[in-house]
């Protein structure tokens, strides 16, 4: 079990990595939980392959969510809430000129 300092460090590492990848962080919970939980929108493509689909009941309504582990945290997002444009752009050619222009200079 992680102590508070380790939880905070794991949460900061995961949040920093998700921000760097372009995910929007909705919220996070750390107190009273063994593992920090981060709620996001628009997960990175590499996280989609690690995802485990689940169903969750919140206030009597069922929601389809996906969860994955990242840096000692649980990352969750709504699986049916991804915009269609986001799903289409994740399968584009990564070597297209408009995408290469956005790559980091040291890559």
N, C-alpha and C. Protein backbone atom coordinates (compact mmCIF):
# COMPACT_ATOMS: atom_id res chain seq x y z
N UNK A 1 0.85 -1.18 0.00
CA UNK A 1 0.00 0.00 0.00
C UNK A 1 0.89 1.24 0.00
N UNK A 2 0.49 2.22 -0.77
CA UNK A 2 1.28 3.44 -0.91
C UNK A 2 1.00 4.40 0.24
N UNK A 3 2.04 5.10 0.69
CA UNK A 3 1.79 6.16 1.67
C UNK A 3 1.42 7.44 0.93
N UNK A 4 1.08 8.48 1.66
CA UNK A 4 0.58 9.71 1.04
C UNK A 4 1.58 10.34 0.09
N UNK A 5 2.85 10.33 0.44
CA UNK A 5 3.87 10.93 -0.42
C UNK A 5 4.00 10.16 -1.73
N UNK A 6 3.98 8.84 -1.65
CA UNK A 6 4.07 8.03 -2.87
C UNK A 6 2.83 8.20 -3.74
N UNK A 7 1.67 8.31 -3.11
CA UNK A 7 0.43 8.54 -3.87
C UNK A 7 0.50 9.88 -4.60
N UNK A 8 0.94 10.90 -3.90
CA UNK A 8 1.04 12.23 -4.50
C UNK A 8 2.03 12.24 -5.66
N UNK A 9 3.17 11.56 -5.49
CA UNK A 9 4.18 11.49 -6.55
C UNK A 9 3.63 10.73 -7.76
N UNK A 10 2.94 9.61 -7.53
CA UNK A 10 2.36 8.83 -8.63
C UNK A 10 1.29 9.65 -9.35
N UNK A 11 0.47 10.37 -8.59
CA UNK A 11 -0.57 11.20 -9.19
C UNK A 11 0.03 12.31 -10.03
N UNK A 12 1.06 12.99 -9.52
CA UNK A 12 1.71 14.06 -10.28
C UNK A 12 2.36 13.54 -11.56
N UNK A 13 3.00 12.37 -11.48
CA UNK A 13 3.63 11.79 -12.68
C UNK A 13 2.60 11.44 -13.73
N UNK A 14 1.50 10.83 -13.31
CA UNK A 14 0.45 10.44 -14.26
C UNK A 14 -0.22 11.67 -14.87
N UNK A 15 -0.51 12.68 -14.05
CA UNK A 15 -1.16 13.90 -14.56
C UNK A 15 -0.25 14.61 -15.54
N UNK A 16 1.03 14.69 -15.23
CA UNK A 16 1.98 15.34 -16.13
C UNK A 16 2.06 14.60 -17.47
N UNK A 17 2.10 13.29 -17.43
CA UNK A 17 2.18 12.52 -18.68
C UNK A 17 0.90 12.66 -19.51
N UNK A 18 -0.27 12.64 -18.85
CA UNK A 18 -1.53 12.79 -19.56
C UNK A 18 -1.65 14.19 -20.17
N UNK A 19 -1.22 15.21 -19.44
CA UNK A 19 -1.24 16.57 -19.98
C UNK A 19 -0.32 16.69 -21.19
N UNK A 20 0.85 16.08 -21.12
CA UNK A 20 1.80 16.11 -22.22
C UNK A 20 1.23 15.43 -23.47
N UNK A 21 0.40 14.42 -23.27
CA UNK A 21 -0.21 13.68 -24.38
C UNK A 21 -1.48 14.36 -24.90
N UNK A 22 -1.95 15.41 -24.25
CA UNK A 22 -3.10 16.15 -24.74
C UNK A 22 -4.43 15.75 -24.15
N UNK A 23 -4.45 14.95 -23.11
CA UNK A 23 -5.70 14.56 -22.47
C UNK A 23 -6.18 15.66 -21.54
N UNK A 24 -7.48 15.82 -21.47
CA UNK A 24 -8.06 16.82 -20.56
C UNK A 24 -8.44 16.11 -19.27
N UNK A 25 -7.91 16.58 -18.16
CA UNK A 25 -8.16 15.97 -16.87
C UNK A 25 -9.40 16.61 -16.25
N UNK A 26 -10.38 15.77 -15.95
CA UNK A 26 -11.64 16.23 -15.37
C UNK A 26 -11.52 16.34 -13.85
N UNK A 27 -10.90 15.35 -13.23
CA UNK A 27 -10.75 15.37 -11.78
C UNK A 27 -9.93 14.19 -11.32
N UNK A 28 -9.64 14.16 -10.01
CA UNK A 28 -8.91 13.04 -9.44
C UNK A 28 -9.30 12.88 -7.99
N UNK A 29 -9.13 11.66 -7.49
CA UNK A 29 -9.43 11.34 -6.09
C UNK A 29 -8.25 10.58 -5.52
N UNK A 30 -7.83 10.99 -4.32
CA UNK A 30 -6.68 10.36 -3.72
C UNK A 30 -6.95 9.97 -2.26
N UNK A 31 -7.71 10.75 -1.55
CA UNK A 31 -7.93 10.50 -0.13
C UNK A 31 -8.88 9.32 0.07
N UNK A 32 -8.52 8.47 1.01
CA UNK A 32 -9.37 7.33 1.34
C UNK A 32 -9.29 6.18 0.37
N UNK A 33 -8.48 6.30 -0.67
CA UNK A 33 -8.35 5.24 -1.66
C UNK A 33 -6.93 4.66 -1.59
N UNK A 34 -6.81 3.38 -1.89
CA UNK A 34 -5.49 2.75 -1.90
C UNK A 34 -4.68 3.20 -3.11
N UNK A 35 -5.36 3.45 -4.25
CA UNK A 35 -4.71 3.86 -5.48
C UNK A 35 -5.39 5.13 -5.98
N UNK A 36 -4.65 6.17 -6.33
CA UNK A 36 -5.28 7.39 -6.86
C UNK A 36 -6.04 7.11 -8.16
N UNK A 37 -7.18 7.79 -8.34
CA UNK A 37 -8.02 7.62 -9.52
C UNK A 37 -8.09 8.96 -10.25
N UNK A 38 -7.80 8.95 -11.56
CA UNK A 38 -7.83 10.16 -12.38
C UNK A 38 -8.92 9.98 -13.43
N UNK A 39 -9.80 10.97 -13.56
CA UNK A 39 -10.85 10.95 -14.58
C UNK A 39 -10.44 11.89 -15.70
N UNK A 40 -10.46 11.39 -16.94
CA UNK A 40 -10.01 12.19 -18.08
C UNK A 40 -11.03 12.15 -19.21
N UNK A 41 -10.80 13.02 -20.17
CA UNK A 41 -11.49 12.97 -21.46
C UNK A 41 -10.41 12.78 -22.51
N UNK A 42 -10.75 12.19 -23.62
CA UNK A 42 -9.84 11.99 -24.74
C UNK A 42 -8.54 11.28 -24.33
N UNK A 43 -8.60 9.98 -24.08
CA UNK A 43 -7.37 9.26 -23.71
C UNK A 43 -6.41 9.15 -24.89
N UNK A 44 -5.11 9.09 -24.62
CA UNK A 44 -4.14 8.89 -25.70
C UNK A 44 -4.32 7.51 -26.33
N UNK A 45 -3.90 7.35 -27.56
CA UNK A 45 -4.11 6.08 -28.26
C UNK A 45 -3.37 4.93 -27.60
N UNK A 46 -2.18 5.17 -27.08
CA UNK A 46 -1.44 4.09 -26.44
C UNK A 46 -2.13 3.61 -25.17
N UNK A 47 -2.97 4.44 -24.56
CA UNK A 47 -3.69 4.04 -23.35
C UNK A 47 -4.95 3.25 -23.71
N UNK A 48 -5.47 3.44 -24.91
CA UNK A 48 -6.66 2.71 -25.34
C UNK A 48 -6.39 1.21 -25.41
N UNK A 49 -5.19 0.82 -25.77
CA UNK A 49 -4.85 -0.59 -25.90
C UNK A 49 -4.74 -1.28 -24.55
N UNK A 50 -4.47 -0.51 -23.50
CA UNK A 50 -4.37 -1.06 -22.16
C UNK A 50 -5.72 -1.10 -21.44
N UNK A 51 -6.72 -0.47 -22.02
CA UNK A 51 -7.99 -0.23 -21.34
C UNK A 51 -8.78 -1.51 -21.11
N UNK A 52 -9.49 -1.51 -20.00
CA UNK A 52 -10.42 -2.59 -19.66
C UNK A 52 -11.81 -1.98 -19.60
N UNK A 53 -12.74 -2.43 -20.46
CA UNK A 53 -14.09 -1.87 -20.43
C UNK A 53 -14.86 -2.35 -19.20
N UNK A 54 -15.66 -1.45 -18.64
CA UNK A 54 -16.45 -1.76 -17.44
C UNK A 54 -17.79 -1.04 -17.53
N UNK A 55 -18.70 -1.45 -16.68
CA UNK A 55 -19.97 -0.75 -16.52
C UNK A 55 -20.04 -0.26 -15.10
N UNK A 56 -20.54 0.95 -14.93
CA UNK A 56 -20.59 1.59 -13.62
C UNK A 56 -21.98 2.16 -13.41
N UNK A 57 -22.49 1.99 -12.21
CA UNK A 57 -23.80 2.56 -11.88
C UNK A 57 -23.58 3.79 -11.01
N UNK A 58 -24.01 4.93 -11.52
CA UNK A 58 -23.89 6.19 -10.79
C UNK A 58 -25.29 6.80 -10.69
N UNK A 59 -25.77 6.97 -9.48
CA UNK A 59 -27.10 7.53 -9.23
C UNK A 59 -28.19 6.78 -10.01
N UNK A 60 -28.06 5.48 -10.09
CA UNK A 60 -29.06 4.66 -10.76
C UNK A 60 -28.92 4.57 -12.26
N UNK A 61 -27.96 5.25 -12.85
CA UNK A 61 -27.76 5.19 -14.31
C UNK A 61 -26.49 4.41 -14.63
N UNK A 62 -26.60 3.55 -15.63
CA UNK A 62 -25.44 2.76 -16.05
C UNK A 62 -24.60 3.55 -17.05
N UNK A 63 -23.29 3.52 -16.85
CA UNK A 63 -22.37 4.19 -17.76
C UNK A 63 -21.31 3.18 -18.20
N UNK A 64 -20.94 3.24 -19.46
CA UNK A 64 -19.84 2.42 -19.97
C UNK A 64 -18.56 3.22 -19.83
N UNK A 65 -17.61 2.69 -19.08
CA UNK A 65 -16.34 3.37 -18.87
C UNK A 65 -15.21 2.43 -19.25
N UNK A 66 -14.02 2.98 -19.37
CA UNK A 66 -12.80 2.20 -19.55
C UNK A 66 -11.83 2.65 -18.47
N UNK A 67 -11.05 1.72 -17.98
CA UNK A 67 -10.03 2.02 -16.98
C UNK A 67 -8.70 1.42 -17.43
N UNK A 68 -7.62 2.08 -17.02
CA UNK A 68 -6.27 1.58 -17.31
C UNK A 68 -5.34 2.07 -16.20
N UNK A 69 -4.25 1.35 -16.00
CA UNK A 69 -3.26 1.75 -15.00
C UNK A 69 -2.17 2.57 -15.67
N UNK A 70 -1.76 3.63 -14.97
CA UNK A 70 -0.70 4.49 -15.47
C UNK A 70 0.07 5.06 -14.29
N UNK A 71 1.33 4.77 -14.21
CA UNK A 71 2.23 5.32 -13.18
C UNK A 71 1.69 5.09 -11.77
N UNK A 72 1.14 3.94 -11.51
CA UNK A 72 0.64 3.64 -10.17
C UNK A 72 -0.73 4.22 -9.87
N UNK A 73 -1.43 4.71 -10.88
CA UNK A 73 -2.76 5.29 -10.71
C UNK A 73 -3.75 4.55 -11.62
N UNK A 74 -5.02 4.74 -11.33
CA UNK A 74 -6.08 4.24 -12.20
C UNK A 74 -6.58 5.43 -13.01
N UNK A 75 -6.62 5.29 -14.32
CA UNK A 75 -7.14 6.34 -15.20
C UNK A 75 -8.45 5.83 -15.76
N UNK A 76 -9.51 6.64 -15.65
CA UNK A 76 -10.83 6.23 -16.13
C UNK A 76 -11.39 7.29 -17.06
N UNK A 77 -12.24 6.84 -18.02
CA UNK A 77 -12.92 7.76 -18.94
C UNK A 77 -14.17 7.09 -19.45
N UNK A 78 -15.11 7.89 -19.93
CA UNK A 78 -16.32 7.36 -20.53
C UNK A 78 -15.98 6.78 -21.88
N UNK A 79 -16.31 5.54 -22.10
CA UNK A 79 -15.93 4.90 -23.36
C UNK A 79 -16.87 5.28 -24.50
N UNK A 80 -18.12 5.58 -24.20
CA UNK A 80 -19.06 5.94 -25.27
C UNK A 80 -19.10 7.45 -25.49
N UNK A 81 -18.32 8.20 -24.76
CA UNK A 81 -18.36 9.65 -24.88
C UNK A 81 -17.30 10.23 -25.80
N UNK A 82 -16.51 9.39 -26.47
CA UNK A 82 -15.47 9.92 -27.35
C UNK A 82 -16.09 10.48 -28.62
N UNK A 83 -15.73 11.69 -28.99
CA UNK A 83 -16.26 12.27 -30.22
C UNK A 83 -15.81 11.47 -31.44
N UNK A 84 -16.64 11.47 -32.45
CA UNK A 84 -16.34 10.71 -33.66
C UNK A 84 -15.08 11.21 -34.34
N UNK A 85 -14.88 12.52 -34.36
CA UNK A 85 -13.68 13.08 -35.00
C UNK A 85 -12.42 12.59 -34.30
N UNK A 86 -12.45 12.46 -33.00
CA UNK A 86 -11.29 11.97 -32.25
C UNK A 86 -10.97 10.53 -32.65
N UNK A 87 -12.00 9.70 -32.75
CA UNK A 87 -11.78 8.30 -33.12
C UNK A 87 -11.22 8.19 -34.53
N UNK A 88 -11.68 9.03 -35.45
CA UNK A 88 -11.19 8.98 -36.83
C UNK A 88 -9.73 9.42 -36.90
N UNK A 89 -9.37 10.49 -36.20
CA UNK A 89 -8.01 11.02 -36.30
C UNK A 89 -6.98 10.11 -35.65
N UNK A 90 -7.37 9.21 -34.79
CA UNK A 90 -6.41 8.33 -34.15
C UNK A 90 -5.86 7.28 -35.10
N UNK A 91 -6.52 7.07 -36.25
CA UNK A 91 -6.07 6.08 -37.22
C UNK A 91 -5.41 6.70 -38.44
N UNK A 92 -5.04 7.98 -38.37
CA UNK A 92 -4.38 8.63 -39.50
C UNK A 92 -2.94 8.15 -39.64
N UNK A 93 -2.39 8.38 -40.79
CA UNK A 93 -1.00 8.03 -41.05
C UNK A 93 -0.08 8.89 -40.18
N UNK A 94 0.71 8.30 -39.28
CA UNK A 94 1.57 9.10 -38.40
C UNK A 94 2.71 9.79 -39.14
N UNK A 95 2.95 9.43 -40.41
CA UNK A 95 4.04 10.04 -41.17
C UNK A 95 3.54 11.10 -42.15
N UNK A 96 2.29 11.52 -41.99
CA UNK A 96 1.74 12.56 -42.85
C UNK A 96 2.48 13.87 -42.59
N UNK A 97 2.70 14.71 -43.62
CA UNK A 97 3.46 15.95 -43.44
C UNK A 97 2.87 16.88 -42.38
N UNK A 98 1.54 16.96 -42.29
CA UNK A 98 0.96 17.87 -41.29
C UNK A 98 1.17 17.37 -39.87
N UNK A 99 1.36 16.07 -39.68
CA UNK A 99 1.63 15.54 -38.36
C UNK A 99 3.12 15.58 -38.03
N UNK A 100 3.97 15.41 -39.04
CA UNK A 100 5.42 15.45 -38.81
C UNK A 100 5.83 16.85 -38.36
N UNK A 101 5.16 17.88 -38.85
CA UNK A 101 5.49 19.25 -38.48
C UNK A 101 5.26 19.49 -36.99
N UNK A 102 4.44 18.67 -36.35
CA UNK A 102 4.14 18.85 -34.92
C UNK A 102 5.02 18.00 -34.03
N UNK A 103 5.86 17.14 -34.58
CA UNK A 103 6.72 16.29 -33.78
C UNK A 103 7.77 17.14 -33.05
N UNK A 104 8.25 16.69 -31.92
CA UNK A 104 9.30 17.43 -31.23
C UNK A 104 10.59 17.47 -32.06
N UNK A 105 11.37 18.51 -31.86
CA UNK A 105 12.58 18.71 -32.66
C UNK A 105 13.63 17.63 -32.39
N UNK A 106 13.66 17.06 -31.19
CA UNK A 106 14.69 16.08 -30.86
C UNK A 106 14.27 14.66 -31.16
N UNK A 107 13.19 14.44 -31.91
CA UNK A 107 12.70 13.09 -32.19
C UNK A 107 13.41 12.49 -33.35
